[in-house]
Amino acid sequence: MATSLKIDEMLKDRVQHLASQRRRSSHWIMLEAIRQYVEREEARERFKQEALASWVAYQETGRHLTGREVGIWLDTWGTRDERAVPECRE
């Protein structure tokens, strides 16, 4: 699928300058920028959908952890005393 982009001269010059610094083609720089943007936005959308699903589950069940409980648990990650996920409360 061929796609064309129209970019202003200033941006075009910036891309070309960066491409030359990185010893890459302008095409490669633009593809990489688009790939990173799409991956970031897809991750953001997944996070948003998980948050919405969590909110729905909380409204249905009332089960939750406090921020303090989560913080204490996370502080143990990577230590000898790493704890299991705390039990949710109602």
PDB file of N, CA and C in Angstrom:
ATOM      1  N   MET A   1       0.852  -1.166   0.000  1.00  0.00           N
ATOM      2  CA  MET A   1       0.000   0.000   0.000  1.00  0.00           C
ATOM      3  C   MET A   1       0.904   1.237   0.000  1.00  0.00           C
ATOM      4  N   ALA A   2       0.833   1.995  -1.021  1.00  0.00           N
ATOM      5  CA  ALA A   2       1.620   3.230  -1.107  1.00  0.00           C
ATOM      6  C   ALA A   2       0.838   4.368  -0.466  1.00  0.00           C
ATOM      7  N   THR A   3       1.521   5.134   0.340  1.00  0.00           N
ATOM      8  CA  THR A   3       0.918   6.283   1.004  1.00  0.00           C
ATOM      9  C   THR A   3       1.889   7.441   0.882  1.00  0.00           C
ATOM     10  N   SER A   4       1.354   8.614   0.674  1.00  0.00           N
ATOM     11  CA  SER A   4       2.235   9.779   0.619  1.00  0.00           C
ATOM     12  C   SER A   4       1.872  10.739   1.737  1.00  0.00           C
ATOM     13  N   LEU A   5       2.873  11.461   2.193  1.00  0.00           N
ATOM     14  CA  LEU A   5       2.690  12.467   3.236  1.00  0.00           C
ATOM     15  C   LEU A   5       3.169  13.798   2.706  1.00  0.00           C
ATOM     16  N   LYS A   6       2.457  14.835   3.039  1.00  0.00           N
ATOM     17  CA  LYS A   6       2.908  16.175   2.706  1.00  0.00           C
ATOM     18  C   LYS A   6       3.324  16.836   4.004  1.00  0.00           C
ATOM     19  N   ILE A   7       4.601  17.203   4.073  1.00  0.00           N
ATOM     20  CA  ILE A   7       5.109  17.867   5.272  1.00  0.00           C
ATOM     21  C   ILE A   7       5.736  19.194   4.867  1.00  0.00           C
ATOM     22  N   ASP A   8       5.691  20.138   5.768  1.00  0.00           N
ATOM     23  CA  ASP A   8       6.258  21.452   5.440  1.00  0.00           C
ATOM     24  C   ASP A   8       7.782  21.370   5.343  1.00  0.00           C
ATOM     25  N   GLU A   9       8.357  22.358   4.735  1.00  0.00           N
ATOM     26  CA  GLU A   9       9.802  22.372   4.480  1.00  0.00           C
ATOM     27  C   GLU A   9      10.621  22.317   5.762  1.00  0.00           C
ATOM     28  N   MET A  10      10.173  23.009   6.799  1.00  0.00           N
ATOM     29  CA  MET A  10      10.926  23.021   8.054  1.00  0.00           C
ATOM     30  C   MET A  10      11.016  21.614   8.641  1.00  0.00           C
ATOM     31  N   LEU A  11       9.876  20.907   8.677  1.00  0.00           N
ATOM     32  CA  LEU A  11       9.884  19.543   9.203  1.00  0.00           C
ATOM     33  C   LEU A  11      10.707  18.626   8.299  1.00  0.00           C
ATOM     34  N   LYS A  12      10.566  18.798   7.024  1.00  0.00           N
ATOM     35  CA  LYS A  12      11.338  18.000   6.065  1.00  0.00           C
ATOM     36  C   LYS A  12      12.835  18.179   6.313  1.00  0.00           C
ATOM     37  N   ASP A  13      13.267  19.415   6.504  1.00  0.00           N
ATOM     38  CA  ASP A  13      14.678  19.688   6.781  1.00  0.00           C
ATOM     39  C   ASP A  13      15.125  19.033   8.091  1.00  0.00           C
ATOM     40  N   ARG A  14      14.273  19.087   9.096  1.00  0.00           N
ATOM     41  CA  ARG A  14      14.607  18.479  10.387  1.00  0.00           C
ATOM     42  C   ARG A  14      14.762  16.967  10.257  1.00  0.00           C
ATOM     43  N   VAL A  15      13.852  16.348   9.505  1.00  0.00           N
ATOM     44  CA  VAL A  15      13.924  14.896   9.284  1.00  0.00           C
ATOM     45  C   VAL A  15      15.207  14.555   8.535  1.00  0.00           C
ATOM     46  N   GLN A  16      15.503  15.310   7.502  1.00  0.00           N
ATOM     47  CA  GLN A  16      16.713  15.049   6.731  1.00  0.00           C
ATOM     48  C   GLN A  16      17.964  15.228   7.586  1.00  0.00           C
ATOM     49  N   HIS A  17      17.988  16.247   8.422  1.00  0.00           N
ATOM     50  CA  HIS A  17      19.130  16.480   9.298  1.00  0.00           C
ATOM     51  C   HIS A  17      19.308  15.313  10.271  1.00  0.00           C
ATOM     52  N   LEU A  18      18.215  14.891  10.880  1.00  0.00           N
ATOM     53  CA  LEU A  18      18.276  13.769  11.810  1.00  0.00           C
ATOM     54  C   LEU A  18      18.709  12.496  11.097  1.00  0.00           C
ATOM     55  N   ALA A  19      18.188  12.270   9.911  1.00  0.00           N
ATOM     56  CA  ALA A  19      18.553  11.088   9.127  1.00  0.00           C
ATOM     57  C   ALA A  19      20.054  11.069   8.867  1.00  0.00           C
ATOM     58  N   SER A  20      20.586  12.214   8.523  1.00  0.00           N
ATOM     59  CA  SER A  20      22.020  12.285   8.250  1.00  0.00           C
ATOM     60  C   SER A  20      22.829  12.039   9.524  1.00  0.00           C
ATOM     61  N   GLN A  21      22.375  12.558  10.652  1.00  0.00           N
ATOM     62  CA  GLN A  21      23.072  12.324  11.927  1.00  0.00           C
ATOM     63  C   GLN A  21      23.036  10.849  12.318  1.00  0.00           C
ATOM     64  N   ARG A  22      21.930  10.209  12.041  1.00  0.00           N
ATOM     65  CA  ARG A  22      21.750   8.802  12.420  1.00  0.00           C
ATOM     66  C   ARG A  22      22.238   7.836  11.345  1.00  0.00           C
ATOM     67  N   ARG A  23      22.666   8.379  10.227  1.00  0.00           N
ATOM     68  CA  ARG A  23      23.086   7.561   9.076  1.00  0.00           C
ATOM     69  C   ARG A  23      21.980   6.615   8.637  1.00  0.00           C
ATOM     70  N   ARG A  24      20.813   7.182   8.551  1.00  0.00           N
ATOM     71  CA  ARG A  24      19.606   6.471   8.094  1.00  0.00           C
ATOM     72  C   ARG A  24      18.984   7.297   6.980  1.00  0.00           C
ATOM     73  N   SER A  25      18.044   6.701   6.289  1.00  0.00           N
ATOM     74  CA  SER A  25      17.320   7.462   5.264  1.00  0.00           C
ATOM     75  C   SER A  25      16.199   8.255   5.927  1.00  0.00           C
ATOM     76  N   SER A  26      15.763   9.302   5.252  1.00  0.00           N
ATOM     77  CA  SER A  26      14.604  10.062   5.750  1.00  0.00           C
ATOM     78  C   SER A  26      13.394   9.154   5.847  1.00  0.00           C
ATOM     79  N   HIS A  27      13.262   8.266   4.888  1.00  0.00           N
ATOM     80  CA  HIS A  27      12.154   7.304   4.871  1.00  0.00           C
ATOM     81  C   HIS A  27      12.165   6.454   6.138  1.00  0.00           C
ATOM     82  N   TRP A  28      13.347   5.954   6.519  1.00  0.00           N
ATOM     83  CA  TRP A  28      13.458   5.133   7.719  1.00  0.00           C
ATOM     84  C   TRP A  28      13.054   5.929   8.955  1.00  0.00           C
ATOM     85  N   ILE A  29      13.515   7.173   9.060  1.00  0.00           N
ATOM     86  CA  ILE A  29      13.191   8.032  10.207  1.00  0.00           C
ATOM     87  C   ILE A  29      11.680   8.216  10.315  1.00  0.00           C
ATOM     88  N   MET A  30      11.031   8.502   9.192  1.00  0.00           N
ATOM     89  CA  MET A  30       9.584   8.729   9.226  1.00  0.00           C
ATOM     90  C   MET A  30       8.824   7.452   9.562  1.00  0.00           C
ATOM     91  N   LEU A  31       9.235   6.315   9.011  1.00  0.00           N
ATOM     92  CA  LEU A  31       8.575   5.046   9.341  1.00  0.00           C
ATOM     93  C   LEU A  31       8.731   4.725  10.822  1.00  0.00           C
ATOM     94  N   GLU A  32       9.930   4.932  11.350  1.00  0.00           N
ATOM     95  CA  GLU A  32      10.181   4.660  12.765  1.00  0.00           C
ATOM     96  C   GLU A  32       9.326   5.564  13.653  1.00  0.00           C
ATOM     97  N   ALA A  33       9.214   6.825  13.278  1.00  0.00           N
ATOM     98  CA  ALA A  33       8.395   7.762  14.063  1.00  0.00           C
ATOM     99  C   ALA A  33       6.931   7.326  14.055  1.00  0.00           C
ATOM    100  N   ILE A  34       6.444   6.927  12.916  1.00  0.00           N
ATOM    101  CA  ILE A  34       5.043   6.488  12.816  1.00  0.00           C
ATOM    102  C   ILE A  34       4.838   5.210  13.616  1.00  0.00           C
ATOM    103  N   ARG A  35       5.777   4.247  13.498  1.00  0.00           N
ATOM    104  CA  ARG A  35       5.659   2.987  14.231  1.00  0.00           C
ATOM    105  C   ARG A  35       5.620   3.246  15.737  1.00  0.00           C
ATOM    106  N   GLN A  36       6.522   4.085  16.231  1.00  0.00           N
ATOM    107  CA  GLN A  36       6.553   4.380  17.664  1.00  0.00           C
ATOM    108  C   GLN A  36       5.273   5.075  18.121  1.00  0.00           C
ATOM    109  N   TYR A  37       4.774   6.003  17.310  1.00  0.00           N
ATOM    110  CA  TYR A  37       3.537   6.706  17.657  1.00  0.00           C
ATOM    111  C   TYR A  37       2.370   5.720  17.752  1.00  0.00           C
ATOM    112  N   VAL A  38       2.252   4.848  16.750  1.00  0.00           N
ATOM    113  CA  VAL A  38       1.138   3.891  16.736  1.00  0.00           C
ATOM    114  C   VAL A  38       1.232   2.946  17.931  1.00  0.00           C
ATOM    115  N   GLU A  39       2.431   2.441  18.226  1.00  0.00           N
ATOM    116  CA  GLU A  39       2.592   1.556  19.382  1.00  0.00           C
ATOM    117  C   GLU A  39       2.229   2.259  20.678  1.00  0.00           C
ATOM    118  N   ARG A  40       2.659   3.504  20.834  1.00  0.00           N
ATOM    119  CA  ARG A  40       2.361   4.270  22.056  1.00  0.00           C
ATOM    120  C   ARG A  40       0.860   4.503  22.193  1.00  0.00           C
ATOM    121  N   GLU A  41       0.198   4.867  21.099  1.00  0.00           N
ATOM    122  CA  GLU A  41      -1.237   5.133  21.161  1.00  0.00           C
ATOM    123  C   GLU A  41      -2.040   3.857  21.371  1.00  0.00           C
ATOM    124  N   GLU A  42      -1.585   2.738  20.796  1.00  0.00           N
ATOM    125  CA  GLU A  42      -2.261   1.462  21.052  1.00  0.00           C
ATOM    126  C   GLU A  42      -2.133   1.077  22.521  1.00  0.00           C
ATOM    127  N   ALA A  43      -0.953   1.265  23.094  1.00  0.00           N
ATOM    128  CA  ALA A  43      -0.757   0.968  24.522  1.00  0.00           C
ATOM    129  C   ALA A  43      -1.631   1.870  25.381  1.00  0.00           C
ATOM    130  N   ARG A  44      -1.722   3.143  25.007  1.00  0.00           N
ATOM    131  CA  ARG A  44      -2.567   4.087  25.747  1.00  0.00           C
ATOM    132  C   ARG A  44      -4.028   3.648  25.697  1.00  0.00           C
ATOM    133  N   GLU A  45      -4.472   3.182  24.542  1.00  0.00           N
ATOM    134  CA  GLU A  45      -5.860   2.730  24.401  1.00  0.00           C
ATOM    135  C   GLU A  45      -6.102   1.465  25.225  1.00  0.00           C
ATOM    136  N   ARG A  46      -5.140   0.530  25.225  1.00  0.00           N
ATOM    137  CA  ARG A  46      -5.283  -0.671  26.061  1.00  0.00           C
ATOM    138  C   ARG A  46      -5.386  -0.289  27.533  1.00  0.00           C
ATOM    139  N   PHE A  47      -4.541   0.643  27.972  1.00  0.00           N
ATOM    140  CA  PHE A  47      -4.572   1.099  29.359  1.00  0.00           C
ATOM    141  C   PHE A  47      -5.940   1.704  29.692  1.00  0.00           C
ATOM    142  N   LYS A  48      -6.449   2.523  28.789  1.00  0.00           N
ATOM    143  CA  LYS A  48      -7.754   3.159  28.994  1.00  0.00           C
ATOM    144  C   LYS A  48      -8.846   2.101  29.105  1.00  0.00           C
ATOM    145  N   GLN A  49      -8.819   1.095  28.226  1.00  0.00           N
ATOM    146  CA  GLN A  49      -9.845   0.053  28.260  1.00  0.00           C
ATOM    147  C   GLN A  49      -9.751  -0.780  29.541  1.00  0.00           C
ATOM    148  N   GLU A  50      -8.515  -1.062  29.997  1.00  0.00           N
ATOM    149  CA  GLU A  50      -8.339  -1.789  31.263  1.00  0.00           C
ATOM    150  C   GLU A  50      -8.883  -0.970  32.430  1.00  0.00           C
ATOM    151  N   ALA A  51      -8.619   0.325  32.415  1.00  0.00           N
ATOM    152  CA  ALA A  51      -9.099   1.198  33.488  1.00  0.00           C
ATOM    153  C   ALA A  51     -10.624   1.231  33.507  1.00  0.00           C
ATOM    154  N   LEU A  52     -11.238   1.330  32.337  1.00  0.00           N
ATOM    155  CA  LEU A  52     -12.704   1.334  32.267  1.00  0.00           C
ATOM    156  C   LEU A  52     -13.279   0.008  32.749  1.00  0.00           C
ATOM    157  N   ALA A  53     -12.649  -1.098  32.367  1.00  0.00           N
ATOM    158  CA  ALA A  53     -13.119  -2.419  32.814  1.00  0.00           C
ATOM    159  C   ALA A  53     -12.966  -2.547  34.327  1.00  0.00           C
ATOM    160  N   SER A  54     -11.874  -2.017  34.869  1.00  0.00           N
ATOM    161  CA  SER A  54     -11.674  -2.058  36.326  1.00  0.00           C
ATOM    162  C   SER A  54     -12.736  -1.237  37.043  1.00  0.00           C
ATOM    163  N   TRP A  55     -13.067  -0.091  36.481  1.00  0.00           N
ATOM    164  CA  TRP A  55     -14.091   0.769  37.084  1.00  0.00           C
ATOM    165  C   TRP A  55     -15.443   0.061  37.090  1.00  0.00           C
ATOM    166  N   VAL A  56     -15.779  -0.603  35.984  1.00  0.00           N
ATOM    167  CA  VAL A  56     -17.043  -1.347  35.901  1.00  0.00           C
ATOM    168  C   VAL A  56     -17.047  -2.468  36.940  1.00  0.00           C
ATOM    169  N   ALA A  57     -15.935  -3.200  37.037  1.00  0.00           N
ATOM    170  CA  ALA A  57     -15.851  -4.293  38.018  1.00  0.00           C
ATOM    171  C   ALA A  57     -16.002  -3.755  39.438  1.00  0.00           C
ATOM    172  N   TYR A  58     -15.371  -2.628  39.728  1.00  0.00           N
ATOM    173  CA  TYR A  58     -15.491  -2.030  41.063  1.00  0.00           C
ATOM    174  C   TYR A  58     -16.943  -1.640  41.340  1.00  0.00           C
ATOM    175  N   GLN A  59     -17.597  -1.031  40.367  1.00  0.00           N
ATOM    176  CA  GLN A  59     -18.997  -0.632  40.566  1.00  0.00           C
ATOM    177  C   GLN A  59     -19.890  -1.835  40.793  1.00  0.00           C
ATOM    178  N   GLU A  60     -19.571  -2.955  40.147  1.00  0.00           N
ATOM    179  CA  GLU A  60     -20.395  -4.161  40.285  1.00  0.00           C
ATOM    180  C   GLU A  60     -20.131  -4.899  41.593  1.00  0.00           C
ATOM    181  N   THR A  61     -18.865  -4.922  42.043  1.00  0.00           N
ATOM    182  CA  THR A  61     -18.512  -5.754  43.199  1.00  0.00           C
ATOM    183  C   THR A  61     -18.101  -4.968  44.429  1.00  0.00           C
ATOM    184  N   GLY A  62     -17.604  -3.753  44.245  1.00  0.00           N
ATOM    185  CA  GLY A  62     -17.098  -2.972  45.371  1.00  0.00           C
ATOM    186  C   GLY A  62     -15.729  -3.424  45.851  1.00  0.00           C
ATOM    187  N   ARG A  63     -15.173  -4.469  45.241  1.00  0.00           N
ATOM    188  CA  ARG A  63     -13.863  -4.991  45.656  1.00  0.00           C
ATOM    189  C   ARG A  63     -12.765  -4.047  45.193  1.00  0.00           C
ATOM    190  N   HIS A  64     -11.802  -3.791  46.108  1.00  0.00           N
ATOM    191  CA  HIS A  64     -10.742  -2.834  45.800  1.00  0.00           C
ATOM    192  C   HIS A  64      -9.555  -2.996  46.729  1.00  0.00           C
ATOM    193  N   LEU A  65      -8.482  -2.306  46.393  1.00  0.00           N
ATOM    194  CA  LEU A  65      -7.325  -2.133  47.270  1.00  0.00           C
ATOM    195  C   LEU A  65      -7.120  -0.640  47.427  1.00  0.00           C
ATOM    196  N   THR A  66      -6.627  -0.226  48.560  1.00  0.00           N
ATOM    197  CA  THR A  66      -6.320   1.191  48.732  1.00  0.00           C
ATOM    198  C   THR A  66      -4.965   1.482  48.073  1.00  0.00           C
ATOM    199  N   GLY A  67      -4.715   2.739  47.800  1.00  0.00           N
ATOM    200  CA  GLY A  67      -3.429   3.142  47.244  1.00  0.00           C
ATOM    201  C   GLY A  67      -2.293   2.775  48.176  1.00  0.00           C
ATOM    202  N   ARG A  68      -2.527   2.915  49.455  1.00  0.00           N
ATOM    203  CA  ARG A  68      -1.499   2.576  50.458  1.00  0.00           C
ATOM    204  C   ARG A  68      -1.175   1.087  50.420  1.00  0.00           C
ATOM    205  N   GLU A  69      -2.214   0.242  50.319  1.00  0.00           N
ATOM    206  CA  GLU A  69      -1.995  -1.209  50.251  1.00  0.00           C
ATOM    207  C   GLU A  69      -1.174  -1.578  49.009  1.00  0.00           C
ATOM    208  N   VAL A  70      -1.506  -0.971  47.908  1.00  0.00           N
ATOM    209  CA  VAL A  70      -0.775  -1.245  46.669  1.00  0.00           C
ATOM    210  C   VAL A  70       0.666  -0.766  46.795  1.00  0.00           C
ATOM    211  N   GLY A  71       0.864   0.426  47.361  1.00  0.00           N
ATOM    212  CA  GLY A  71       2.205   0.970  47.545  1.00  0.00           C
ATOM    213  C   GLY A  71       3.082   0.082  48.402  1.00  0.00           C
ATOM    214  N   ILE A  72       2.533  -0.402  49.497  1.00  0.00           N
ATOM    215  CA  ILE A  72       3.283  -1.297  50.391  1.00  0.00           C
ATOM    216  C   ILE A  72       3.666  -2.571  49.648  1.00  0.00           C
ATOM    217  N   TRP A  73       2.728  -3.119  48.895  1.00  0.00           N
ATOM    218  CA  TRP A  73       2.992  -4.332  48.111  1.00  0.00           C
ATOM    219  C   TRP A  73       4.076  -4.072  47.062  1.00  0.00           C
ATOM    220  N   LEU A  74       3.952  -2.970  46.322  1.00  0.00           N
ATOM    221  CA  LEU A  74       4.930  -2.666  45.279  1.00  0.00           C
ATOM    222  C   LEU A  74       6.324  -2.427  45.847  1.00  0.00           C
ATOM    223  N   ASP A  75       6.393  -1.876  47.042  1.00  0.00           N
ATOM    224  CA  ASP A  75       7.699  -1.644  47.672  1.00  0.00           C
ATOM    225  C   ASP A  75       8.468  -2.940  47.930  1.00  0.00           C
ATOM    226  N   THR A  76       7.759  -4.067  47.956  1.00  0.00           N
ATOM    227  CA  THR A  76       8.436  -5.345  48.201  1.00  0.00           C
ATOM    228  C   THR A  76       8.940  -5.998  46.921  1.00  0.00           C
ATOM    229  N   TRP A  77       8.541  -5.479  45.768  1.00  0.00           N
ATOM    230  CA  TRP A  77       8.955  -6.089  44.492  1.00  0.00           C
ATOM    231  C   TRP A  77      10.470  -6.074  44.372  1.00  0.00           C
ATOM    232  N   GLY A  78      11.023  -7.206  43.969  1.00  0.00           N
ATOM    233  CA  GLY A  78      12.457  -7.298  43.752  1.00  0.00           C
ATOM    234  C   GLY A  78      13.272  -7.441  45.022  1.00  0.00           C
ATOM    235  N   THR A  79      12.596  -7.606  46.147  1.00  0.00           N
ATOM    236  CA  THR A  79      13.319  -7.795  47.408  1.00  0.00           C
ATOM    237  C   THR A  79      13.187  -9.247  47.842  1.00  0.00           C
ATOM    238  N   ARG A  80      13.951  -9.611  48.845  1.00  0.00           N
ATOM    239  CA  ARG A  80      13.846 -10.975  49.399  1.00  0.00           C
ATOM    240  C   ARG A  80      12.487 -11.217  50.036  1.00  0.00           C
ATOM    241  N   ASP A  81      11.861 -10.137  50.492  1.00  0.00           N
ATOM    242  CA  ASP A  81      10.565 -10.245  51.177  1.00  0.00           C
ATOM    243  C   ASP A  81       9.400  -9.908  50.253  1.00  0.00           C
ATOM    244  N   GLU A  82       9.556 -10.194  48.963  1.00  0.00           N
ATOM    245  CA  GLU A  82       8.485  -9.860  48.003  1.00  0.00           C
ATOM    246  C   GLU A  82       7.192 -10.556  48.410  1.00  0.00           C
ATOM    247  N   ARG A  83       6.140  -9.773  48.467  1.00  0.00           N
ATOM    248  CA  ARG A  83       4.847 -10.284  48.917  1.00  0.00           C
ATOM    249  C   ARG A  83       3.947 -10.630  47.732  1.00  0.00           C
ATOM    250  N   ALA A  84       2.985 -11.510  47.992  1.00  0.00           N
ATOM    251  CA  ALA A  84       1.965 -11.842  46.990  1.00  0.00           C
ATOM    252  C   ALA A  84       0.977 -10.685  46.899  1.00  0.00           C
ATOM    253  N   VAL A  85       0.196 -10.682  45.843  1.00  0.00           N
ATOM    254  CA  VAL A  85      -0.820  -9.649  45.650  1.00  0.00           C
ATOM    255  C   VAL A  85      -1.755  -9.662  46.864  1.00  0.00           C
ATOM    256  N   PRO A  86      -2.014  -8.486  47.459  1.00  0.00           N
ATOM    257  CA  PRO A  86      -2.923  -8.449  48.608  1.00  0.00           C
ATOM    258  C   PRO A  86      -4.354  -8.811  48.188  1.00  0.00           C
ATOM    259  N   GLU A  87      -5.098  -9.300  49.152  1.00  0.00           N
ATOM    260  CA  GLU A  87      -6.511  -9.638  48.908  1.00  0.00           C
ATOM    261  C   GLU A  87      -7.320  -8.347  48.792  1.00  0.00           C
ATOM    262  N   CYS A  88      -8.218  -8.335  47.838  1.00  0.00           N
ATOM    263  CA  CYS A  88      -9.115  -7.187  47.686  1.00  0.00           C
ATOM    264  C   CYS A  88     -10.127  -7.160  48.839  1.00  0.00           C
ATOM    265  N   ARG A  89     -10.586  -5.963  49.149  1.00  0.00           N
ATOM    266  CA  ARG A  89     -11.590  -5.801  50.201  1.00  0.00           C
ATOM    267  C   ARG A  89     -12.865  -5.251  49.572  1.00  0.00           C
ATOM    268  N   GLU A  90     -13.931  -5.361  50.302  1.00  0.00           N
ATOM    269  CA  GLU A  90     -15.204  -4.795  49.825  1.00  0.00           C
ATOM    270  C   GLU A  90     -15.511  -3.521  50.554  1.00  0.00           C
TER     271      GLU A  90
END
